[in-house]
Amino acid sequence: MDLKKLAAEIITFAIKTAVGCFLIGLTVWLVLWTLLSPTKLTGSEVAGWVQAIGSIGAIIGALAVANWQHRKQQSNLAAQQVERQRAMHGVIGEVVEHVKCLKETMDSSQDEAKFREYWDVGLEGTYNAALQTLNALPAHELGGPERAVQFMAIVGAMSKICVLLERDTQSGNPPELKPIYPQLAYHANQVAFSWGKFMPLSAR
């Protein structure tokens, strides 16, 4: 937990505890003083003390309700943040599957023309859409700097794969993709490696 946040929570708790103890002590003192006082109180004086004690009780109750509402709000915000992170992690996982599919196709295909056709017809559009989706995700909301580092590594490797394939498949010359296979495999492995480190972080 962040030290500043922890210190703020401790200070807030201490203040609330001190105020609560003061009000409770004051209430007890007023009750005892009323009961043990040798002076007889008039009806109006008794009513005044009852009203004062009731007001103190109302203050204590209001503080308790406010504290409960604050904790409930913080709990709801934390739950929403967890769900948001899970959704973003799911999106990243789906995108990583596209890279895995690309590498499997590259590894299994010995025909460069078929690989080019597979990229041009279907995989390129899906891959680019997936990359755009990743670029739209806020890295700072993924759950910490470690996750952000692995996320940026995934995005960087995917971008390099896209640049390599678009450069070679869109050139005017007949494509020779096998020379770039090692580079593609390297970046695909980098995506898998970073995702493997991201996953344990997601499970914390």
Protein backbone atom coordinates (compact mmCIF):
# COMPACT_ATOMS: atom_id res chain seq x y z
CA MET A 1 0.00 0.00 0.00
CA ASP A 2 1.16 3.55 -0.72
CA LEU A 3 2.67 5.13 2.41
CA LYS A 4 0.89 8.45 1.91
CA LYS A 5 -2.46 6.70 1.59
CA LEU A 6 -1.74 4.58 4.66
CA ALA A 7 -0.74 7.66 6.69
CA ALA A 8 -3.91 9.50 5.61
CA GLU A 9 -6.08 6.54 6.65
CA ILE A 10 -4.33 6.32 10.04
CA ILE A 11 -4.79 10.05 10.69
CA THR A 12 -8.46 9.92 9.66
CA PHE A 13 -9.08 6.93 11.91
CA ALA A 14 -7.31 8.62 14.84
CA ILE A 15 -9.36 11.81 14.45
CA LYS A 16 -12.64 9.91 14.25
CA THR A 17 -11.69 7.80 17.26
CA ALA A 18 -10.73 10.87 19.30
CA VAL A 19 -13.96 12.69 18.44
CA GLY A 20 -16.04 9.62 19.21
CA CYS A 21 -14.33 9.07 22.58
CA PHE A 22 -14.76 12.73 23.48
CA LEU A 23 -18.47 12.74 22.68
CA ILE A 24 -19.07 9.47 24.51
CA GLY A 25 -17.12 10.71 27.54
CA LEU A 26 -19.05 13.97 27.54
CA THR A 27 -22.34 12.10 27.37
CA VAL A 28 -21.39 9.82 30.26
CA TRP A 29 -20.27 12.81 32.33
CA LEU A 30 -23.53 14.66 31.71
CA VAL A 31 -25.59 11.62 32.67
CA LEU A 32 -23.62 11.02 35.88
CA TRP A 33 -23.66 14.70 36.80
CA THR A 34 -27.41 14.81 36.29
CA LEU A 35 -28.01 11.72 38.40
CA LEU A 36 -25.58 12.56 41.21
CA SER A 37 -26.11 16.31 41.43
CA PRO A 38 -27.52 17.35 44.84
CA THR A 39 -29.41 20.17 43.17
CA LYS A 40 -32.86 19.31 41.97
CA LEU A 41 -33.38 20.15 38.32
CA THR A 42 -36.53 21.76 37.04
CA GLY A 43 -38.52 20.18 34.25
CA SER A 44 -37.16 22.61 31.67
CA GLU A 45 -33.58 21.94 32.81
CA VAL A 46 -34.10 18.19 32.53
CA ALA A 47 -35.58 18.66 29.07
CA GLY A 48 -32.59 20.79 28.10
CA TRP A 49 -30.14 18.13 29.26
CA VAL A 50 -32.11 15.42 27.45
CA GLN A 51 -32.02 17.51 24.30
CA ALA A 52 -28.28 18.08 24.68
CA ILE A 53 -27.60 14.39 25.20
CA GLY A 54 -29.85 13.56 22.25
CA SER A 55 -27.94 16.02 20.08
CA ILE A 56 -24.65 14.41 21.07
CA GLY A 57 -26.08 10.99 20.25
CA ALA A 58 -27.25 12.29 16.89
CA ILE A 59 -23.74 13.59 16.16
CA ILE A 60 -22.22 10.24 17.07
CA GLY A 61 -24.78 8.48 14.89
CA ALA A 62 -24.11 10.84 11.98
CA LEU A 63 -20.37 10.21 12.27
CA ALA A 64 -20.96 6.45 12.30
CA VAL A 65 -23.23 6.63 9.24
CA ALA A 66 -20.79 8.88 7.38
CA ASN A 67 -17.93 6.51 8.18
CA TRP A 68 -19.96 3.51 7.01
CA GLN A 69 -20.96 5.28 3.79
CA HIS A 70 -17.34 6.27 3.12
CA ARG A 71 -16.11 2.72 3.60
CA LYS A 72 -18.88 1.36 1.41
CA GLN A 73 -18.04 3.88 -1.31
CA GLN A 74 -14.35 3.00 -1.13
CA SER A 75 -15.21 -0.70 -1.29
CA ASN A 76 -17.43 -0.15 -4.35
CA LEU A 77 -14.72 1.88 -6.09
CA ALA A 78 -12.16 -0.82 -5.38
CA ALA A 79 -14.49 -3.52 -6.74
CA GLN A 80 -15.16 -1.48 -9.88
CA GLN A 81 -11.43 -0.98 -10.40
CA VAL A 82 -10.80 -4.73 -10.08
CA GLU A 83 -13.51 -5.51 -12.64
CA ARG A 84 -12.12 -2.88 -15.01
CA GLN A 85 -8.64 -4.36 -14.71
CA ARG A 86 -9.96 -7.86 -15.34
CA ALA A 87 -11.72 -6.65 -18.48
CA MET A 88 -8.56 -4.98 -19.78
CA HIS A 89 -6.46 -8.04 -18.96
CA GLY A 90 -8.97 -10.13 -20.92
CA VAL A 91 -8.62 -7.84 -23.93
CA ILE A 92 -4.83 -8.12 -23.80
CA GLY A 93 -5.09 -11.90 -23.56
CA GLU A 94 -7.28 -12.05 -26.67
CA VAL A 95 -4.82 -9.90 -28.58
CA VAL A 96 -1.92 -12.13 -27.52
CA GLU A 97 -3.84 -15.03 -29.06
CA HIS A 98 -3.66 -13.25 -32.44
CA VAL A 99 0.12 -13.19 -32.19
CA LYS A 100 0.15 -16.86 -31.23
CA CYS A 101 -2.03 -17.66 -34.25
CA LEU A 102 0.29 -15.69 -36.52
CA LYS A 103 3.36 -17.56 -35.28
CA GLU A 104 1.67 -20.95 -35.60
CA THR A 105 0.69 -20.11 -39.17
CA MET A 106 4.21 -18.96 -39.96
CA ASP A 107 5.75 -22.08 -38.41
CA SER A 108 3.43 -24.47 -40.23
CA SER A 109 3.46 -22.76 -43.64
CA GLN A 110 6.30 -23.50 -46.02
CA ASP A 111 4.59 -21.66 -48.86
CA GLU A 112 5.28 -17.92 -48.69
CA ALA A 113 2.46 -17.17 -51.13
CA LYS A 114 -0.07 -18.90 -48.88
CA PHE A 115 1.25 -17.09 -45.85
CA ARG A 116 0.98 -13.75 -47.67
CA GLU A 117 -2.56 -14.59 -48.75
CA TYR A 118 -3.49 -15.56 -45.21
CA TRP A 119 -2.13 -12.23 -43.95
CA ASP A 120 -3.70 -10.11 -46.70
CA VAL A 121 -7.13 -11.76 -46.68
CA GLY A 122 -7.87 -12.08 -43.00
CA LEU A 123 -5.17 -11.74 -40.42
CA GLU A 124 -3.90 -8.25 -41.26
CA GLY A 125 -7.19 -6.49 -40.54
CA THR A 126 -7.78 -8.42 -37.33
CA TYR A 127 -4.20 -7.90 -36.22
CA ASN A 128 -4.28 -4.15 -36.86
CA ALA A 129 -7.62 -3.81 -35.07
CA ALA A 130 -6.18 -5.70 -32.10
CA LEU A 131 -3.13 -3.44 -32.04
CA GLN A 132 -5.33 -0.33 -32.14
CA THR A 133 -7.33 -1.74 -29.23
CA LEU A 134 -4.16 -2.17 -27.19
CA ASN A 135 -3.04 1.37 -27.97
CA ALA A 136 -6.36 2.63 -26.59
CA LEU A 137 -5.90 0.92 -23.21
CA PRO A 138 -4.61 3.12 -20.36
CA ALA A 139 -1.38 1.45 -19.23
CA HIS A 140 -1.46 3.28 -15.89
CA GLU A 141 -4.75 1.58 -14.97
CA LEU A 142 -3.55 -2.00 -15.44
CA GLY A 143 -2.61 -2.39 -11.79
CA GLY A 144 0.88 -1.11 -11.19
CA PRO A 145 4.17 -0.25 -12.91
CA GLU A 146 5.17 -3.90 -13.40
CA ARG A 147 2.06 -4.63 -15.41
CA ALA A 148 2.54 -1.42 -17.38
CA VAL A 149 6.11 -2.45 -18.32
CA GLN A 150 5.01 -5.87 -19.58
CA PHE A 151 2.06 -4.32 -21.41
CA MET A 152 4.29 -1.83 -23.22
CA ALA A 153 6.65 -4.67 -24.18
CA ILE A 154 3.71 -6.54 -25.73
CA VAL A 155 2.55 -3.48 -27.66
CA GLY A 156 6.08 -2.73 -28.87
CA ALA A 157 6.68 -6.27 -30.12
CA MET A 158 3.32 -6.37 -31.89
CA SER A 159 4.03 -3.05 -33.57
CA LYS A 160 7.36 -4.36 -34.89
CA ILE A 161 5.67 -7.47 -36.27
CA CYS A 162 3.13 -5.29 -38.06
CA VAL A 163 5.84 -3.04 -39.53
CA LEU A 164 7.85 -6.01 -40.81
CA LEU A 165 4.90 -7.71 -42.48
CA GLU A 166 3.41 -4.57 -44.02
CA ARG A 167 6.79 -3.48 -45.34
CA ASP A 168 7.42 -6.77 -47.11
CA THR A 169 3.90 -7.73 -48.20
CA GLN A 170 3.09 -4.29 -49.62
CA SER A 171 6.32 -3.87 -51.59
CA GLY A 172 6.19 -3.99 -55.37
CA ASN A 173 8.59 -6.91 -55.58
CA PRO A 174 7.51 -10.53 -55.09
CA PRO A 175 7.60 -11.13 -51.36
CA GLU A 176 10.25 -13.23 -49.76
CA LEU A 177 9.01 -13.54 -46.25
CA LYS A 178 11.23 -16.34 -45.03
CA PRO A 179 14.20 -13.99 -44.48
CA ILE A 180 12.13 -12.09 -41.90
CA TYR A 181 10.72 -15.21 -40.22
CA PRO A 182 13.43 -15.18 -37.51
CA GLN A 183 12.60 -11.55 -36.67
CA LEU A 184 8.87 -12.30 -36.61
CA ALA A 185 9.47 -15.31 -34.38
CA TYR A 186 11.63 -13.24 -32.04
CA HIS A 187 8.96 -10.57 -31.56
CA ALA A 188 6.20 -13.19 -31.23
CA ASN A 189 8.23 -14.94 -28.54
CA GLN A 190 8.70 -11.58 -26.82
CA VAL A 191 4.92 -11.13 -26.72
CA ALA A 192 4.49 -14.61 -25.22
CA PHE A 193 7.27 -13.99 -22.68
CA SER A 194 5.85 -10.64 -21.54
CA TRP A 195 2.35 -12.08 -21.32
CA GLY A 196 3.69 -14.95 -19.23
CA LYS A 197 5.10 -12.41 -16.76
CA PHE A 198 1.94 -10.29 -16.94
CA MET A 199 -0.36 -13.19 -16.03
CA PRO A 200 1.11 -13.91 -12.57
CA LEU A 201 0.90 -10.19 -11.85
CA SER A 202 -2.77 -10.24 -12.85
CA ALA A 203 -3.44 -13.02 -10.39
CA ARG A 204 -2.10 -11.09 -7.38
